[in-house]
N, C-alpha and C. Protein backbone atom coordinates (compact mmCIF):
# COMPACT_ATOMS: atom_id res chain seq x y z
N MET A 1 -61.34 -50.95 -139.02
CA MET A 1 -60.34 -50.57 -139.86
C MET A 1 -58.99 -50.24 -138.98
N THR A 2 -57.79 -50.86 -139.45
CA THR A 2 -56.59 -50.45 -138.62
C THR A 2 -56.15 -49.14 -139.33
N THR A 3 -55.67 -48.58 -138.26
CA THR A 3 -54.90 -47.33 -138.91
C THR A 3 -53.52 -47.37 -138.76
N ALA A 4 -52.66 -46.54 -139.24
CA ALA A 4 -51.38 -46.45 -139.47
C ALA A 4 -50.77 -46.56 -137.89
N THR A 5 -51.42 -45.69 -137.04
CA THR A 5 -50.95 -45.58 -135.77
C THR A 5 -51.24 -46.74 -134.95
N THR A 6 -52.45 -47.44 -135.10
CA THR A 6 -52.75 -48.55 -134.36
C THR A 6 -51.76 -49.72 -134.98
N ALA A 7 -51.43 -49.83 -136.29
CA ALA A 7 -50.45 -50.71 -136.76
C ALA A 7 -49.24 -50.56 -136.15
N LYS A 8 -48.63 -49.46 -135.93
CA LYS A 8 -47.48 -49.17 -135.12
C LYS A 8 -47.60 -49.58 -133.58
N LYS A 9 -48.65 -49.25 -133.10
CA LYS A 9 -48.80 -49.81 -131.67
C LYS A 9 -48.74 -51.11 -131.59
N GLN A 10 -49.44 -51.97 -132.49
CA GLN A 10 -49.64 -53.35 -132.48
C GLN A 10 -48.33 -53.86 -132.60
N ALA A 11 -47.24 -53.44 -133.79
CA ALA A 11 -46.21 -53.73 -134.04
C ALA A 11 -45.14 -53.65 -132.73
N LYS A 12 -45.31 -52.60 -132.14
CA LYS A 12 -44.41 -52.14 -130.98
C LYS A 12 -44.90 -53.29 -129.99
N THR A 13 -46.05 -53.28 -129.62
CA THR A 13 -46.22 -54.39 -128.64
C THR A 13 -45.92 -55.79 -128.88
N ALA A 14 -45.75 -56.24 -130.15
CA ALA A 14 -45.18 -57.30 -130.44
C ALA A 14 -43.85 -57.46 -130.58
N GLY A 15 -43.06 -56.44 -129.91
CA GLY A 15 -41.72 -56.43 -130.18
C GLY A 15 -40.97 -55.83 -131.37
N ALA A 16 -41.55 -55.43 -132.39
CA ALA A 16 -40.87 -54.91 -133.45
C ALA A 16 -40.33 -53.69 -133.30
N LYS A 17 -39.03 -53.51 -133.83
CA LYS A 17 -38.25 -52.21 -133.69
C LYS A 17 -38.84 -51.26 -134.66
N LEU A 18 -39.38 -50.09 -134.47
CA LEU A 18 -39.60 -49.13 -135.50
C LEU A 18 -38.65 -48.06 -135.72
N PRO A 19 -38.45 -47.61 -137.08
CA PRO A 19 -37.45 -46.77 -137.13
C PRO A 19 -37.17 -45.59 -136.12
N GLN A 20 -38.55 -45.13 -135.69
CA GLN A 20 -38.06 -43.91 -134.68
C GLN A 20 -37.50 -44.48 -133.28
N ASP A 21 -37.56 -45.81 -133.15
CA ASP A 21 -36.83 -46.28 -131.91
C ASP A 21 -35.20 -46.37 -132.08
N HIS A 22 -34.73 -45.96 -133.30
CA HIS A 22 -33.31 -46.04 -133.36
C HIS A 22 -32.69 -44.65 -133.33
N LYS A 23 -32.05 -44.34 -132.29
CA LYS A 23 -31.43 -42.94 -132.23
C LYS A 23 -30.33 -42.58 -132.69
N GLU A 24 -29.70 -43.58 -133.24
CA GLU A 24 -28.37 -43.39 -134.04
C GLU A 24 -28.27 -42.44 -134.87
N PRO A 25 -27.25 -41.25 -134.91
CA PRO A 25 -27.36 -40.44 -135.86
C PRO A 25 -27.04 -41.27 -137.44
N ALA A 26 -27.69 -40.76 -138.32
CA ALA A 26 -27.30 -41.27 -139.66
C ALA A 26 -25.80 -40.94 -140.02
N GLN A 27 -25.17 -42.02 -140.64
CA GLN A 27 -23.76 -41.88 -140.85
C GLN A 27 -23.61 -41.31 -142.33
N SER A 28 -22.52 -40.28 -142.13
CA SER A 28 -22.26 -39.64 -143.74
C SER A 28 -21.38 -40.72 -144.33
N TYR A 29 -21.61 -40.71 -145.70
CA TYR A 29 -20.56 -41.40 -146.53
C TYR A 29 -19.08 -40.97 -146.18
N ARG A 30 -18.96 -39.74 -145.67
CA ARG A 30 -17.51 -39.22 -145.68
C ARG A 30 -16.88 -39.97 -144.45
N GLU A 31 -17.51 -40.48 -143.65
CA GLU A 31 -17.01 -41.19 -142.40
C GLU A 31 -16.77 -42.46 -142.64
N LEU A 32 -17.07 -43.29 -143.79
CA LEU A 32 -16.81 -44.40 -144.10
C LEU A 32 -15.64 -44.80 -144.89
N ASP A 33 -15.11 -46.07 -144.58
CA ASP A 33 -13.81 -46.36 -145.35
C ASP A 33 -13.94 -46.42 -146.93
N GLY A 34 -13.16 -45.80 -147.55
CA GLY A 34 -12.99 -45.64 -148.82
C GLY A 34 -13.70 -44.36 -149.41
N ALA A 35 -14.39 -43.51 -148.72
CA ALA A 35 -15.00 -42.34 -149.13
C ALA A 35 -14.08 -41.44 -150.11
N GLU A 36 -12.95 -41.44 -149.65
CA GLU A 36 -12.02 -40.42 -150.62
C GLU A 36 -11.81 -41.12 -151.95
N LEU A 37 -12.28 -42.29 -152.27
CA LEU A 37 -12.10 -42.53 -153.65
C LEU A 37 -13.45 -42.34 -154.68
N LEU A 38 -14.46 -41.57 -153.91
CA LEU A 38 -15.54 -41.08 -154.72
C LEU A 38 -15.57 -39.62 -155.10
N LYS A 39 -15.92 -39.15 -156.02
CA LYS A 39 -15.92 -37.69 -156.47
C LYS A 39 -16.66 -37.10 -155.25
N PRO A 40 -16.21 -35.78 -154.90
CA PRO A 40 -16.80 -35.00 -153.92
C PRO A 40 -18.27 -34.69 -154.52
N ILE A 41 -19.27 -34.71 -153.92
CA ILE A 41 -20.56 -34.53 -154.18
C ILE A 41 -20.82 -32.94 -154.79
N SER A 42 -19.92 -32.11 -153.99
CA SER A 42 -20.16 -30.92 -154.42
C SER A 42 -19.55 -30.49 -155.65
N GLN A 43 -18.73 -31.46 -156.39
CA GLN A 43 -18.13 -31.23 -157.54
C GLN A 43 -19.12 -31.90 -158.88
N LEU A 44 -20.23 -32.69 -158.27
CA LEU A 44 -20.95 -33.37 -159.33
C LEU A 44 -21.71 -32.26 -160.20
N ARG A 45 -21.83 -32.74 -161.47
CA ARG A 45 -22.80 -31.99 -162.29
C ARG A 45 -24.25 -32.20 -162.22
N ARG A 46 -25.33 -31.56 -162.44
CA ARG A 46 -26.67 -31.99 -162.31
C ARG A 46 -26.94 -33.15 -162.91
N SER A 47 -26.33 -33.38 -164.11
CA SER A 47 -26.70 -34.66 -164.59
C SER A 47 -26.30 -35.87 -164.12
N GLU A 48 -25.14 -35.77 -163.57
CA GLU A 48 -24.67 -36.94 -162.83
C GLU A 48 -25.46 -37.03 -161.70
N ALA A 49 -25.86 -35.95 -160.76
CA ALA A 49 -26.54 -36.16 -159.74
C ALA A 49 -27.93 -37.00 -159.93
N ALA A 50 -28.60 -36.53 -161.27
CA ALA A 50 -29.89 -37.05 -161.53
C ALA A 50 -29.71 -38.35 -161.85
N LEU A 51 -28.63 -38.75 -162.54
CA LEU A 51 -28.46 -40.34 -162.94
C LEU A 51 -28.23 -40.89 -161.73
N LEU A 52 -27.65 -40.64 -160.87
CA LEU A 52 -27.33 -41.34 -159.54
C LEU A 52 -28.54 -41.64 -158.74
N ALA A 53 -29.33 -40.48 -158.76
CA ALA A 53 -30.92 -40.48 -158.08
C ALA A 53 -31.60 -41.49 -158.69
N LEU A 54 -31.63 -41.20 -159.88
CA LEU A 54 -32.88 -42.27 -160.87
C LEU A 54 -32.34 -43.70 -160.58
N THR A 55 -31.23 -44.02 -160.90
CA THR A 55 -30.55 -45.30 -160.95
C THR A 55 -30.70 -45.88 -159.58
N LEU A 56 -30.57 -44.90 -158.43
CA LEU A 56 -30.88 -45.63 -157.18
C LEU A 56 -32.21 -45.97 -156.80
N GLY A 57 -32.93 -45.07 -157.36
CA GLY A 57 -34.48 -45.30 -157.62
C GLY A 57 -34.86 -46.66 -157.73
N GLN A 58 -34.42 -46.88 -159.09
CA GLN A 58 -34.67 -48.11 -159.75
C GLN A 58 -34.20 -49.24 -158.92
N ALA A 59 -33.01 -49.21 -158.44
CA ALA A 59 -32.43 -50.45 -157.58
C ALA A 59 -33.42 -50.64 -156.58
N LEU A 60 -33.86 -49.47 -155.74
CA LEU A 60 -34.78 -49.62 -154.55
C LEU A 60 -36.26 -50.03 -155.02
N GLY A 61 -36.62 -49.63 -156.17
CA GLY A 61 -37.93 -49.99 -156.35
C GLY A 61 -38.96 -49.23 -156.04
N LYS A 62 -40.10 -49.49 -156.02
CA LYS A 62 -41.17 -48.67 -155.59
C LYS A 62 -41.37 -48.78 -153.76
N ASP A 63 -41.01 -49.78 -153.30
CA ASP A 63 -41.00 -49.86 -151.95
C ASP A 63 -40.35 -48.53 -151.20
N ILE A 64 -39.50 -47.84 -151.82
CA ILE A 64 -38.90 -46.69 -151.06
C ILE A 64 -39.77 -45.52 -151.20
N ALA A 65 -40.74 -45.62 -152.04
CA ALA A 65 -41.47 -44.37 -152.27
C ALA A 65 -42.28 -43.80 -150.87
N GLY A 66 -42.61 -44.83 -150.09
CA GLY A 66 -43.50 -44.42 -148.78
C GLY A 66 -42.48 -44.23 -147.73
N LEU A 67 -41.13 -44.45 -148.00
CA LEU A 67 -40.24 -44.31 -146.56
C LEU A 67 -39.60 -42.86 -146.79
N ASP A 68 -39.79 -42.09 -145.74
CA ASP A 68 -39.13 -40.80 -145.73
C ASP A 68 -37.61 -40.97 -145.41
N ASP A 69 -36.88 -40.11 -145.85
CA ASP A 69 -35.17 -40.02 -145.50
C ASP A 69 -35.00 -40.21 -144.15
N GLU A 70 -35.76 -39.64 -143.28
CA GLU A 70 -35.40 -39.67 -141.87
C GLU A 70 -35.70 -40.96 -141.26
N ALA A 71 -36.86 -41.78 -141.84
CA ALA A 71 -36.98 -43.07 -141.24
C ALA A 71 -36.21 -44.21 -141.83
N PHE A 72 -35.53 -43.93 -143.04
CA PHE A 72 -34.63 -44.58 -143.49
C PHE A 72 -33.32 -44.89 -143.05
N GLU A 73 -32.76 -43.47 -142.68
CA GLU A 73 -31.51 -42.91 -142.01
C GLU A 73 -31.53 -43.55 -140.69
N SER A 74 -32.83 -43.61 -139.93
CA SER A 74 -32.58 -44.06 -138.62
C SER A 74 -32.80 -45.55 -138.40
N MET A 75 -32.77 -46.14 -139.30
CA MET A 75 -33.06 -47.73 -139.26
C MET A 75 -31.81 -48.34 -138.71
N SER A 76 -31.92 -49.36 -138.06
CA SER A 76 -30.71 -50.21 -137.47
C SER A 76 -30.26 -50.73 -138.80
N ASP A 77 -28.60 -51.14 -138.75
CA ASP A 77 -28.18 -51.95 -139.76
C ASP A 77 -28.94 -53.26 -140.11
N GLU A 78 -29.37 -53.86 -139.24
CA GLU A 78 -30.17 -55.20 -139.35
C GLU A 78 -31.57 -54.86 -140.28
N ASP A 79 -32.37 -53.81 -139.75
CA ASP A 79 -33.67 -53.39 -140.33
C ASP A 79 -33.30 -53.01 -141.72
N ALA A 80 -32.09 -52.20 -141.93
CA ALA A 80 -31.80 -51.68 -143.42
C ALA A 80 -31.49 -52.91 -144.04
N MET A 81 -30.85 -53.74 -143.76
CA MET A 81 -30.24 -54.99 -144.58
C MET A 81 -31.53 -55.86 -144.99
N VAL A 82 -32.60 -55.99 -144.10
CA VAL A 82 -33.81 -56.57 -144.69
C VAL A 82 -34.66 -55.73 -145.47
N PHE A 83 -34.54 -54.55 -145.55
CA PHE A 83 -35.08 -53.61 -146.38
C PHE A 83 -34.27 -53.78 -147.56
N LEU A 84 -33.02 -53.54 -147.73
CA LEU A 84 -32.25 -53.61 -148.84
C LEU A 84 -32.36 -55.03 -149.63
N SER A 85 -32.65 -55.95 -148.69
CA SER A 85 -32.70 -57.19 -149.26
C SER A 85 -33.77 -57.45 -150.57
N SER A 86 -34.71 -56.54 -150.35
CA SER A 86 -35.98 -56.39 -151.23
C SER A 86 -35.60 -55.76 -152.39
N MET A 87 -34.31 -55.22 -152.67
CA MET A 87 -34.04 -54.43 -153.72
C MET A 87 -33.88 -55.28 -154.77
N ASN A 88 -34.10 -54.49 -156.25
CA ASN A 88 -34.07 -55.17 -157.70
C ASN A 88 -32.68 -55.63 -157.72
N PRO A 89 -32.23 -57.08 -157.87
CA PRO A 89 -30.98 -57.05 -157.99
C PRO A 89 -30.27 -56.51 -159.44
N VAL A 90 -30.90 -56.74 -160.58
CA VAL A 90 -30.37 -56.01 -161.84
C VAL A 90 -30.31 -54.57 -161.64
N GLY A 91 -31.32 -53.86 -160.83
CA GLY A 91 -31.12 -52.35 -160.35
C GLY A 91 -29.77 -52.13 -159.68
N ILE A 92 -29.53 -53.05 -158.85
CA ILE A 92 -28.37 -52.70 -157.91
C ILE A 92 -27.00 -52.94 -158.91
N LYS A 93 -27.09 -54.14 -159.54
CA LYS A 93 -25.85 -53.94 -160.54
C LYS A 93 -25.78 -52.95 -161.55
N ASN A 94 -26.68 -52.16 -161.93
CA ASN A 94 -26.72 -51.13 -162.70
C ASN A 94 -25.97 -49.91 -161.79
N PHE A 95 -27.00 -49.86 -160.87
CA PHE A 95 -26.31 -48.89 -159.84
C PHE A 95 -24.75 -48.85 -159.31
N MET A 96 -24.20 -50.09 -159.20
CA MET A 96 -22.97 -50.45 -158.92
C MET A 96 -22.04 -49.96 -160.01
N ASP A 97 -22.54 -50.43 -161.17
CA ASP A 97 -21.82 -50.13 -162.38
C ASP A 97 -21.42 -48.58 -162.51
N ILE A 98 -22.72 -47.79 -162.42
CA ILE A 98 -22.77 -46.60 -162.68
C ILE A 98 -21.79 -45.68 -161.50
N ILE A 99 -21.70 -46.37 -160.42
CA ILE A 99 -20.65 -45.84 -159.25
C ILE A 99 -19.40 -46.27 -160.00
N GLU A 100 -19.11 -47.31 -160.10
CA GLU A 100 -17.53 -47.61 -160.41
C GLU A 100 -17.34 -46.91 -161.97
N ASP A 101 -18.02 -46.76 -162.78
CA ASP A 101 -17.88 -46.08 -164.12
C ASP A 101 -17.80 -44.65 -164.00
N SER A 102 -18.52 -44.03 -163.32
CA SER A 102 -18.65 -42.63 -163.51
C SER A 102 -18.25 -41.80 -161.97
N PHE A 103 -18.23 -42.38 -160.84
CA PHE A 103 -18.01 -41.75 -159.59
C PHE A 103 -16.77 -42.14 -158.75
N VAL A 104 -16.27 -43.33 -158.94
CA VAL A 104 -15.03 -43.45 -158.47
C VAL A 104 -13.94 -43.00 -159.09
N VAL A 105 -13.05 -42.33 -158.26
CA VAL A 105 -12.01 -41.42 -159.03
C VAL A 105 -10.88 -42.37 -159.22
N ASP A 106 -10.56 -43.46 -158.54
CA ASP A 106 -9.33 -44.29 -158.78
C ASP A 106 -9.83 -45.72 -158.61
N LEU A 107 -10.25 -46.47 -159.97
CA LEU A 107 -10.77 -47.72 -159.80
C LEU A 107 -9.92 -48.61 -159.47
N ASP A 108 -8.40 -48.32 -159.53
CA ASP A 108 -7.58 -49.58 -159.04
C ASP A 108 -7.49 -49.63 -157.41
N ALA A 109 -7.52 -48.37 -156.92
CA ALA A 109 -7.64 -48.36 -155.62
C ALA A 109 -8.82 -48.80 -154.92
N TRP A 110 -9.85 -48.49 -155.74
CA TRP A 110 -11.30 -49.05 -155.54
C TRP A 110 -11.08 -50.63 -155.22
N ASP A 111 -10.76 -51.14 -156.23
CA ASP A 111 -10.56 -52.62 -156.26
C ASP A 111 -9.62 -53.22 -155.21
N LYS A 112 -8.64 -52.42 -154.90
CA LYS A 112 -7.77 -52.88 -153.80
C LYS A 112 -8.42 -52.65 -152.35
N LYS A 113 -9.26 -51.51 -152.14
CA LYS A 113 -9.88 -51.35 -150.94
C LYS A 113 -11.16 -52.30 -150.97
N PHE A 114 -11.73 -52.70 -151.83
CA PHE A 114 -12.90 -53.37 -152.02
C PHE A 114 -12.79 -54.81 -152.75
N PRO A 115 -12.09 -55.74 -152.28
CA PRO A 115 -12.06 -56.84 -153.06
C PRO A 115 -13.28 -57.71 -152.84
N LEU A 116 -13.61 -58.60 -153.80
CA LEU A 116 -14.93 -59.19 -153.87
C LEU A 116 -15.49 -59.55 -152.49
N ASN A 117 -14.74 -60.10 -151.54
CA ASN A 117 -15.30 -60.39 -150.32
C ASN A 117 -15.70 -59.21 -149.43
N ARG A 118 -15.65 -57.92 -149.98
CA ARG A 118 -15.99 -56.64 -149.42
C ARG A 118 -17.03 -56.08 -150.14
N TRP A 119 -17.73 -57.03 -151.00
CA TRP A 119 -18.70 -56.16 -151.81
C TRP A 119 -19.81 -55.30 -150.97
N GLN A 120 -20.11 -55.78 -149.78
CA GLN A 120 -21.33 -55.09 -149.01
C GLN A 120 -20.82 -53.79 -148.46
N ASP A 121 -19.54 -53.61 -148.30
CA ASP A 121 -18.98 -52.39 -147.86
C ASP A 121 -18.84 -51.55 -149.23
N ALA A 122 -18.62 -51.93 -150.26
CA ALA A 122 -18.63 -51.00 -151.23
C ALA A 122 -20.03 -50.53 -151.57
N MET A 123 -21.26 -51.45 -151.46
CA MET A 123 -22.13 -51.21 -151.81
C MET A 123 -22.83 -50.03 -150.63
N ASN A 124 -22.58 -50.50 -149.37
CA ASN A 124 -23.04 -49.46 -148.23
C ASN A 124 -22.36 -48.09 -148.58
N LEU A 125 -21.24 -48.11 -148.70
CA LEU A 125 -20.46 -46.81 -149.09
C LEU A 125 -21.53 -45.94 -150.18
N SER A 126 -21.67 -46.84 -151.33
CA SER A 126 -22.13 -46.41 -152.46
C SER A 126 -23.52 -45.82 -152.20
N LEU A 127 -24.39 -46.62 -151.35
CA LEU A 127 -25.63 -46.34 -151.09
C LEU A 127 -25.60 -44.87 -150.14
N ASN A 128 -24.68 -44.85 -149.06
CA ASN A 128 -24.82 -43.80 -148.39
C ASN A 128 -24.25 -42.34 -149.31
N TYR A 129 -23.35 -42.58 -150.26
CA TYR A 129 -23.09 -41.41 -151.10
C TYR A 129 -24.16 -40.81 -151.80
N ALA A 130 -24.82 -42.07 -152.38
CA ALA A 130 -26.29 -41.44 -153.35
C ALA A 130 -27.11 -40.89 -152.49
N GLY A 131 -27.18 -41.43 -151.20
CA GLY A 131 -28.35 -40.67 -150.25
C GLY A 131 -28.10 -39.44 -149.99
N GLU A 132 -26.69 -38.96 -150.13
CA GLU A 132 -26.37 -37.66 -149.81
C GLU A 132 -26.17 -36.65 -150.93
N VAL A 133 -26.68 -37.18 -152.10
CA VAL A 133 -26.69 -36.47 -153.16
C VAL A 133 -27.85 -35.41 -153.08
N GLY A 134 -27.94 -34.25 -153.37
CA GLY A 134 -28.88 -33.33 -153.21
C GLY A 134 -29.22 -32.73 -151.66
N LYS A 135 -28.16 -33.34 -151.00
CA LYS A 135 -28.39 -32.74 -149.51
C LYS A 135 -26.99 -31.92 -149.23
N ASP A 136 -25.99 -32.14 -150.27
CA ASP A 136 -24.65 -31.44 -149.95
C ASP A 136 -24.85 -29.89 -150.00
N LYS A 137 -24.57 -29.53 -148.98
CA LYS A 137 -24.33 -27.99 -148.90
C LYS A 137 -23.15 -27.24 -149.28
N ASN A 138 -21.98 -28.05 -149.72
CA ASN A 138 -20.70 -27.56 -150.11
C ASN A 138 -20.50 -27.27 -151.45
C-alpha cells in the first residue's frame, strides 16, 4: 500500500514540484492591479462574506476540500492554473457575476481596467480577494 508520504517521495523523484517546494509568499489581493475597485474586506457584512465563500466553494468544486490554504497559496502560478482549470465553469461564471454585482465598487472603472482580453487578471484578483475573506484582521 502506498502512503501519502511515499507518493510524495515518488512524485518528487519523478521531478514533480510539490506545493511546499514553492517558497514565494502568498500575494495579497491588495497588491494586485485593480484591488482598489473592490469593497474593503473589513467592510463586508457577514452575509456577503458567506455568499462569497460559498460561491467560491461551488466554483472550485470538491477537489479543494483536501487542499489546505497554505498548500494552495504556496503553489506556483503554473500549478495553480492547472488546479484552477479543473474548476466548474458555471460556478466560475456565478462567482464572477457575484463579484461584479456585489463587490466591485465602480463597475465602469472595473470594465476599463479589465477589458475582455484581461479576464484572467480579473479572475485572479477576485480569487485572491475571496481567499482573504475571513482572514482579514482590520
